[in-house]
All heavy atoms as atom14 arrays in JSON, in Angstrom:
{
  "sequence": "LVQPGGSLRLSCAAAGSIFRIAAMGWYRQAPGKQRE",
  "atom14_mask": [
    [1, 1, 1, 1, 1, 1, 1, 1, 0, 0, 0, 0, 0, 0],
    [1, 1, 1, 1, 1, 1, 1, 0, 0, 0, 0, 0, 0, 0],
    [1, 1, 1, 1, 1, 1, 1, 1, 1, 0, 0, 0, 0, 0],
    [1, 1, 1, 1, 1, 1, 1, 0, 0, 0, 0, 0, 0, 0],
    [1, 1, 1, 1, 0, 0, 0, 0, 0, 0, 0, 0, 0, 0],
    [1, 1, 1, 1, 0, 0, 0, 0, 0, 0, 0, 0, 0, 0],
    [1, 1, 1, 1, 1, 1, 0, 0, 0, 0, 0, 0, 0, 0],
    [1, 1, 1, 1, 1, 1, 1, 1, 0, 0, 0, 0, 0, 0],
    [1, 1, 1, 1, 1, 1, 1, 1, 1, 1, 1, 0, 0, 0],
    [1, 1, 1, 1, 1, 1, 1, 1, 0, 0, 0, 0, 0, 0],
    [1, 1, 1, 1, 1, 1, 0, 0, 0, 0, 0, 0, 0, 0],
    [1, 1, 1, 1, 1, 1, 0, 0, 0, 0, 0, 0, 0, 0],
    [1, 1, 1, 1, 1, 0, 0, 0, 0, 0, 0, 0, 0, 0],
    [1, 1, 1, 1, 1, 0, 0, 0, 0, 0, 0, 0, 0, 0],
    [1, 1, 1, 1, 1, 0, 0, 0, 0, 0, 0, 0, 0, 0],
    [1, 1, 1, 1, 0, 0, 0, 0, 0, 0, 0, 0, 0, 0],
    [1, 1, 1, 1, 1, 1, 0, 0, 0, 0, 0, 0, 0, 0],
    [1, 1, 1, 1, 1, 1, 1, 1, 0, 0, 0, 0, 0, 0],
    [1, 1, 1, 1, 1, 1, 1, 1, 1, 1, 1, 0, 0, 0],
    [1, 1, 1, 1, 1, 1, 1, 1, 1, 1, 1, 0, 0, 0],
    [1, 1, 1, 1, 1, 1, 1, 1, 0, 0, 0, 0, 0, 0],
    [1, 1, 1, 1, 1, 0, 0, 0, 0, 0, 0, 0, 0, 0],
    [1, 1, 1, 1, 1, 0, 0, 0, 0, 0, 0, 0, 0, 0],
    [1, 1, 1, 1, 1, 1, 1, 1, 0, 0, 0, 0, 0, 0],
    [1, 1, 1, 1, 0, 0, 0, 0, 0, 0, 0, 0, 0, 0],
    [1, 1, 1, 1, 1, 1, 1, 1, 1, 1, 1, 1, 1, 1],
    [1, 1, 1, 1, 1, 1, 1, 1, 1, 1, 1, 1, 0, 0],
    [1, 1, 1, 1, 1, 1, 1, 1, 1, 1, 1, 0, 0, 0],
    [1, 1, 1, 1, 1, 1, 1, 1, 1, 0, 0, 0, 0, 0],
    [1, 1, 1, 1, 1, 0, 0, 0, 0, 0, 0, 0, 0, 0],
    [1, 1, 1, 1, 1, 1, 1, 0, 0, 0, 0, 0, 0, 0],
    [1, 1, 1, 1, 0, 0, 0, 0, 0, 0, 0, 0, 0, 0],
    [1, 1, 1, 1, 1, 1, 1, 1, 1, 0, 0, 0, 0, 0],
    [1, 1, 1, 1, 1, 1, 1, 1, 1, 0, 0, 0, 0, 0],
    [1, 1, 1, 1, 1, 1, 1, 1, 1, 1, 1, 0, 0, 0],
    [1, 1, 1, 1, 1, 1, 1, 1, 1, 0, 0, 0, 0, 0]
  ],
  "atom14_positions": [
    [[2.69, -2.6, 14.43], [3.64, -3.62, 14.86], [2.93, -4.96, 14.94], [1.86, -5.06, 15.55], [4.24, -3.26, 16.21], [5.19, -4.27, 16.85], [6.45, -4.43, 16.02], [5.52, -3.82, 18.27], [0.0, 0.0, 0.0], [0.0, 0.0, 0.0], [0.0, 0.0, 0.0], [0.0, 0.0, 0.0], [0.0, 0.0, 0.0], [0.0, 0.0, 0.0]],
    [[3.52, -6.0, 14.34], [2.91, -7.32, 14.32], [3.99, -8.39, 14.47], [5.13, -8.2, 14.04], [2.09, -7.51, 13.03], [3.01, -7.51, 11.8], [1.25, -8.78, 13.08], [0.0, 0.0, 0.0], [0.0, 0.0, 0.0], [0.0, 0.0, 0.0], [0.0, 0.0, 0.0], [0.0, 0.0, 0.0], [0.0, 0.0, 0.0], [0.0, 0.0, 0.0]],
    [[3.63, -9.52, 15.08], [4.56, -10.63, 15.23], [4.67, -11.43, 13.93], [3.76, -11.42, 13.1], [4.1, -11.55, 16.35], [4.13, -10.93, 17.73], [3.73, -11.9, 18.81], [3.28, -13.0, 18.55], [3.87, -11.47, 20.06], [0.0, 0.0, 0.0], [0.0, 0.0, 0.0], [0.0, 0.0, 0.0], [0.0, 0.0, 0.0], [0.0, 0.0, 0.0]],
    [[5.81, -12.13, 13.72], [5.9, -13.0, 12.55], [4.75, -14.0, 12.47], [4.34, -14.57, 13.48], [7.23, -13.73, 12.75], [8.02, -12.8, 13.62], [7.02, -12.15, 14.54], [0.0, 0.0, 0.0], [0.0, 0.0, 0.0], [0.0, 0.0, 0.0], [0.0, 0.0, 0.0], [0.0, 0.0, 0.0], [0.0, 0.0, 0.0], [0.0, 0.0, 0.0]],
    [[4.21, -14.17, 11.27], [3.06, -15.02, 11.08], [1.73, -14.33, 11.24], [0.68, -14.92, 10.92], [0.0, 0.0, 0.0], [0.0, 0.0, 0.0], [0.0, 0.0, 0.0], [0.0, 0.0, 0.0], [0.0, 0.0, 0.0], [0.0, 0.0, 0.0], [0.0, 0.0, 0.0], [0.0, 0.0, 0.0], [0.0, 0.0, 0.0], [0.0, 0.0, 0.0]],
    [[1.73, -13.08, 11.71], [0.51, -12.33, 11.92], [-0.01, -11.69, 10.65], [0.54, -11.86, 9.57], [0.0, 0.0, 0.0], [0.0, 0.0, 0.0], [0.0, 0.0, 0.0], [0.0, 0.0, 0.0], [0.0, 0.0, 0.0], [0.0, 0.0, 0.0], [0.0, 0.0, 0.0], [0.0, 0.0, 0.0], [0.0, 0.0, 0.0], [0.0, 0.0, 0.0]],
    [[-1.08, -10.89, 10.83], [-1.77, -10.26, 9.69], [-2.03, -8.79, 9.96], [-2.21, -8.37, 11.11], [-3.1, -10.95, 9.4], [-2.92, -12.31, 9.05], [0.0, 0.0, 0.0], [0.0, 0.0, 0.0], [0.0, 0.0, 0.0], [0.0, 0.0, 0.0], [0.0, 0.0, 0.0], [0.0, 0.0, 0.0], [0.0, 0.0, 0.0], [0.0, 0.0, 0.0]],
    [[-2.09, -8.0, 8.9], [-2.52, -6.61, 8.91], [-3.33, -6.33, 7.66], [-3.13, -6.99, 6.64], [-1.34, -5.63, 8.97], [-0.57, -5.5, 10.29], [0.66, -4.62, 10.07], [-1.45, -4.93, 11.38], [0.0, 0.0, 0.0], [0.0, 0.0, 0.0], [0.0, 0.0, 0.0], [0.0, 0.0, 0.0], [0.0, 0.0, 0.0], [0.0, 0.0, 0.0]],
    [[-4.22, -5.34, 7.73], [-5.01, -4.9, 6.6], [-4.81, -3.4, 6.4], [-5.19, -2.61, 7.27], [-6.48, -5.21, 6.8], [-7.39, -4.85, 5.63], [-8.83, -5.23, 5.94], [-9.78, -4.87, 4.9], [-10.1, -5.62, 3.87], [-9.53, -6.8, 3.7], [-11.01, -5.21, 2.98], [0.0, 0.0, 0.0], [0.0, 0.0, 0.0], [0.0, 0.0, 0.0]],
    [[-4.2, -3.01, 5.29], [-3.97, -1.6, 4.97], [-5.13, -1.08, 4.11], [-5.67, -1.79, 3.27], [-2.66, -1.42, 4.21], [-1.4, -2.01, 4.86], [-0.18, -1.65, 4.02], [-1.24, -1.54, 6.29], [0.0, 0.0, 0.0], [0.0, 0.0, 0.0], [0.0, 0.0, 0.0], [0.0, 0.0, 0.0], [0.0, 0.0, 0.0], [0.0, 0.0, 0.0]],
    [[-5.47, 0.19, 4.32], [-6.5, 0.85, 3.54], [-5.95, 2.1, 2.89], [-5.06, 2.76, 3.43], [-7.71, 1.24, 4.43], [-8.31, 0.12, 5.0], [0.0, 0.0, 0.0], [0.0, 0.0, 0.0], [0.0, 0.0, 0.0], [0.0, 0.0, 0.0], [0.0, 0.0, 0.0], [0.0, 0.0, 0.0], [0.0, 0.0, 0.0], [0.0, 0.0, 0.0]],
    [[-6.46, 2.44, 1.72], [-6.08, 3.63, 0.99], [-7.34, 4.24, 0.41], [-7.93, 3.69, -0.51], [-5.09, 3.27, -0.11], [-4.56, 4.66, -1.15], [0.0, 0.0, 0.0], [0.0, 0.0, 0.0], [0.0, 0.0, 0.0], [0.0, 0.0, 0.0], [0.0, 0.0, 0.0], [0.0, 0.0, 0.0], [0.0, 0.0, 0.0], [0.0, 0.0, 0.0]],
    [[-7.78, 5.36, 0.98], [-9.01, 6.02, 0.6], [-8.71, 7.19, -0.32], [-7.84, 8.01, -0.02], [-9.77, 6.49, 1.83], [0.0, 0.0, 0.0], [0.0, 0.0, 0.0], [0.0, 0.0, 0.0], [0.0, 0.0, 0.0], [0.0, 0.0, 0.0], [0.0, 0.0, 0.0], [0.0, 0.0, 0.0], [0.0, 0.0, 0.0], [0.0, 0.0, 0.0]],
    [[-9.43, 7.27, -1.43], [-9.21, 8.3, -2.44], [-10.39, 9.24, -2.54], [-11.54, 8.83, -2.32], [-8.93, 7.66, -3.8], [0.0, 0.0, 0.0], [0.0, 0.0, 0.0], [0.0, 0.0, 0.0], [0.0, 0.0, 0.0], [0.0, 0.0, 0.0], [0.0, 0.0, 0.0], [0.0, 0.0, 0.0], [0.0, 0.0, 0.0], [0.0, 0.0, 0.0]],
    [[-10.1, 10.49, -2.86], [-11.13, 11.48, -3.15], [-10.86, 12.02, -4.56], [-9.73, 12.39, -4.86], [-11.13, 12.59, -2.12], [0.0, 0.0, 0.0], [0.0, 0.0, 0.0], [0.0, 0.0, 0.0], [0.0, 0.0, 0.0], [0.0, 0.0, 0.0], [0.0, 0.0, 0.0], [0.0, 0.0, 0.0], [0.0, 0.0, 0.0], [0.0, 0.0, 0.0]],
    [[-11.89, 12.08, -5.38], [-11.73, 12.56, -6.73], [-12.72, 11.92, -7.67], [-13.52, 11.07, -7.27], [0.0, 0.0, 0.0], [0.0, 0.0, 0.0], [0.0, 0.0, 0.0], [0.0, 0.0, 0.0], [0.0, 0.0, 0.0], [0.0, 0.0, 0.0], [0.0, 0.0, 0.0], [0.0, 0.0, 0.0], [0.0, 0.0, 0.0], [0.0, 0.0, 0.0]],
    [[-12.64, 12.28, -8.94], [-13.6, 11.84, -9.95], [-13.09, 10.78, -10.89], [-13.82, 10.35, -11.79], [-14.1, 13.04, -10.74], [-13.04, 13.67, -11.42], [0.0, 0.0, 0.0], [0.0, 0.0, 0.0], [0.0, 0.0, 0.0], [0.0, 0.0, 0.0], [0.0, 0.0, 0.0], [0.0, 0.0, 0.0], [0.0, 0.0, 0.0], [0.0, 0.0, 0.0]],
    [[-11.83, 10.32, -10.74], [-11.23, 9.39, -11.7], [-10.95, 8.02, -11.11], [-10.3, 7.2, -11.77], [-9.91, 9.97, -12.26], [-8.88, 10.16, -11.16], [-10.17, 11.29, -12.98], [-7.49, 10.52, -11.65], [0.0, 0.0, 0.0], [0.0, 0.0, 0.0], [0.0, 0.0, 0.0], [0.0, 0.0, 0.0], [0.0, 0.0, 0.0], [0.0, 0.0, 0.0]],
    [[-11.42, 7.71, -9.9], [-11.07, 6.48, -9.22], [-11.41, 5.26, -10.07], [-10.6, 4.32, -10.2], [-11.76, 6.4, -7.86], [-11.38, 5.22, -7.04], [-10.27, 5.26, -6.2], [-12.12, 4.06, -7.11], [-9.93, 4.16, -5.45], [-11.81, 2.95, -6.34], [-10.68, 3.0, -5.51], [0.0, 0.0, 0.0], [0.0, 0.0, 0.0], [0.0, 0.0, 0.0]],
    [[-12.61, 5.22, -10.64], [-13.08, 4.02, -11.33], [-12.32, 3.68, -12.59], [-12.37, 2.52, -13.04], [-14.57, 4.17, -11.63], [-15.46, 4.06, -10.41], [-16.9, 4.37, -10.74], [-17.79, 4.15, -9.61], [-17.93, 4.99, -8.6], [-17.23, 6.13, -8.58], [-18.76, 4.72, -7.6], [0.0, 0.0, 0.0], [0.0, 0.0, 0.0], [0.0, 0.0, 0.0]],
    [[-11.63, 4.64, -13.21], [-10.9, 4.39, -14.44], [-9.41, 4.29, -14.24], [-8.66, 4.18, -15.21], [-11.2, 5.45, -15.51], [-10.72, 6.83, -15.05], [-12.69, 5.48, -15.82], [-10.83, 7.88, -16.12], [0.0, 0.0, 0.0], [0.0, 0.0, 0.0], [0.0, 0.0, 0.0], [0.0, 0.0, 0.0], [0.0, 0.0, 0.0], [0.0, 0.0, 0.0]],
    [[-8.93, 4.34, -12.98], [-7.5, 4.36, -12.69], [-6.99, 2.99, -12.29], [-7.67, 2.21, -11.61], [-7.23, 5.35, -11.57], [0.0, 0.0, 0.0], [0.0, 0.0, 0.0], [0.0, 0.0, 0.0], [0.0, 0.0, 0.0], [0.0, 0.0, 0.0], [0.0, 0.0, 0.0], [0.0, 0.0, 0.0], [0.0, 0.0, 0.0], [0.0, 0.0, 0.0]],
    [[-5.76, 2.7, -12.7], [-5.0, 1.59, -12.13], [-4.51, 1.98, -10.73], [-4.25, 3.16, -10.48], [-3.83, 1.23, -13.03], [0.0, 0.0, 0.0], [0.0, 0.0, 0.0], [0.0, 0.0, 0.0], [0.0, 0.0, 0.0], [0.0, 0.0, 0.0], [0.0, 0.0, 0.0], [0.0, 0.0, 0.0], [0.0, 0.0, 0.0], [0.0, 0.0, 0.0]],
    [[-4.35, 1.0, -9.87], [-3.89, 1.27, -8.51], [-2.92, 0.19, -8.07], [-2.75, -0.83, -8.75], [-5.09, 1.32, -7.54], [-6.09, 2.4, -7.87], [-7.44, 2.51, -6.68], [-8.22, 0.92, -6.91], [0.0, 0.0, 0.0], [0.0, 0.0, 0.0], [0.0, 0.0, 0.0], [0.0, 0.0, 0.0], [0.0, 0.0, 0.0], [0.0, 0.0, 0.0]],
    [[-2.24, 0.42, -6.94], [-1.33, -0.57, -6.43], [-0.61, -0.11, -5.19], [-0.93, 0.94, -4.61], [0.0, 0.0, 0.0], [0.0, 0.0, 0.0], [0.0, 0.0, 0.0], [0.0, 0.0, 0.0], [0.0, 0.0, 0.0], [0.0, 0.0, 0.0], [0.0, 0.0, 0.0], [0.0, 0.0, 0.0], [0.0, 0.0, 0.0], [0.0, 0.0, 0.0]],
    [[0.35, -0.92, -4.77], [1.13, -0.66, -3.56], [2.62, -0.87, -3.81], [3.02, -1.85, -4.44], [0.69, -1.6, -2.42], [-0.7, -1.39, -1.93], [-1.84, -1.89, -2.47], [-1.11, -0.6, -0.8], [-2.94, -1.47, -1.76], [-2.51, -0.69, -0.72], [-0.42, 0.15, 0.15], [-3.26, -0.05, 0.28], [-1.15, 0.78, 1.14], [-2.54, 0.7, 1.2]],
    [[3.44, 0.06, -3.33], [4.88, -0.06, -3.23], [5.26, -0.19, -1.77], [4.5, 0.16, -0.86], [5.59, 1.17, -3.78], [5.7, 1.27, -5.29], [4.69, 1.8, -6.06], [6.88, 0.87, -5.93], [4.81, 1.92, -7.43], [7.0, 0.98, -7.3], [5.97, 1.52, -8.05], [6.11, 1.65, -9.4], [0.0, 0.0, 0.0], [0.0, 0.0, 0.0]],
    [[6.48, -0.68, -1.52], [7.04, -0.62, -0.19], [8.53, -0.27, -0.29], [9.17, -0.52, -1.29], [6.86, -1.93, 0.58], [7.63, -3.12, 0.02], [7.27, -4.38, 0.81], [7.99, -5.54, 0.32], [7.79, -6.78, 0.76], [6.88, -7.02, 1.71], [8.5, -7.78, 0.26], [0.0, 0.0, 0.0], [0.0, 0.0, 0.0], [0.0, 0.0, 0.0]],
    [[9.06, 0.32, 0.79], [10.46, 0.69, 0.83], [10.99, 0.56, 2.26], [10.43, 1.15, 3.19], [10.69, 2.12, 0.33], [12.14, 2.47, 0.17], [12.35, 3.75, -0.62], [11.48, 4.63, -0.65], [13.48, 3.87, -1.28], [0.0, 0.0, 0.0], [0.0, 0.0, 0.0], [0.0, 0.0, 0.0], [0.0, 0.0, 0.0], [0.0, 0.0, 0.0]],
    [[12.06, -0.21, 2.41], [12.76, -0.37, 3.67], [14.03, 0.48, 3.66], [14.59, 0.74, 2.59], [13.1, -1.82, 3.92], [0.0, 0.0, 0.0], [0.0, 0.0, 0.0], [0.0, 0.0, 0.0], [0.0, 0.0, 0.0], [0.0, 0.0, 0.0], [0.0, 0.0, 0.0], [0.0, 0.0, 0.0], [0.0, 0.0, 0.0], [0.0, 0.0, 0.0]],
    [[14.52, 0.91, 4.82], [15.76, 1.73, 4.87], [16.92, 1.01, 4.18], [17.17, -0.17, 4.42], [16.01, 1.89, 6.37], [14.66, 1.77, 6.98], [13.93, 0.74, 6.16], [0.0, 0.0, 0.0], [0.0, 0.0, 0.0], [0.0, 0.0, 0.0], [0.0, 0.0, 0.0], [0.0, 0.0, 0.0], [0.0, 0.0, 0.0], [0.0, 0.0, 0.0]],
    [[17.61, 1.74, 3.31], [18.77, 1.2, 2.6], [18.44, 0.3, 1.43], [19.36, -0.25, 0.81], [0.0, 0.0, 0.0], [0.0, 0.0, 0.0], [0.0, 0.0, 0.0], [0.0, 0.0, 0.0], [0.0, 0.0, 0.0], [0.0, 0.0, 0.0], [0.0, 0.0, 0.0], [0.0, 0.0, 0.0], [0.0, 0.0, 0.0], [0.0, 0.0, 0.0]],
    [[17.17, 0.14, 1.08], [16.75, -0.72, -0.02], [16.0, 0.06, -1.08], [15.47, 1.14, -0.83], [15.9, -1.87, 0.49], [16.59, -2.8, 1.45], [15.7, -3.96, 1.85], [16.41, -4.91, 2.8], [15.52, -6.04, 3.2], [0.0, 0.0, 0.0], [0.0, 0.0, 0.0], [0.0, 0.0, 0.0], [0.0, 0.0, 0.0], [0.0, 0.0, 0.0]],
    [[15.97, -0.49, -2.3], [15.22, 0.1, -3.39], [13.73, -0.04, -3.14], [13.26, -1.0, -2.5], [15.59, -0.56, -4.71], [16.98, -0.25, -5.22], [17.09, 1.15, -5.76], [16.13, 1.7, -6.29], [18.25, 1.75, -5.63], [0.0, 0.0, 0.0], [0.0, 0.0, 0.0], [0.0, 0.0, 0.0], [0.0, 0.0, 0.0], [0.0, 0.0, 0.0]],
    [[12.96, 0.92, -3.66], [11.51, 0.82, -3.61], [11.07, -0.39, -4.43], [11.54, -0.6, -5.55], [10.89, 2.11, -4.14], [9.38, 2.15, -4.08], [8.88, 3.51, -4.56], [9.34, 4.57, -3.67], [9.6, 5.81, -4.07], [9.45, 6.14, -5.33], [10.0, 6.71, -3.2], [0.0, 0.0, 0.0], [0.0, 0.0, 0.0], [0.0, 0.0, 0.0]],
    [[10.13, -1.17, -3.89], [9.68, -2.4, -4.53], [8.19, -2.3, -4.82], [7.38, -2.07, -3.92], [9.94, -3.59, -3.6], [9.46, -4.92, -4.16], [9.55, -6.07, -3.17], [9.7, -5.8, -1.96], [9.49, -7.24, -3.61], [0.0, 0.0, 0.0], [0.0, 0.0, 0.0], [0.0, 0.0, 0.0], [0.0, 0.0, 0.0], [0.0, 0.0, 0.0]]
  ]
}
């Protein structure tokens, strides 16, 4: 939970042998809305 104007830092840790050759990214989805 954060106030408007604030900041957060998300992390995503992977285990496996293909990390260095993979594309990565982030999606988000709010209730009642399409995944973005």
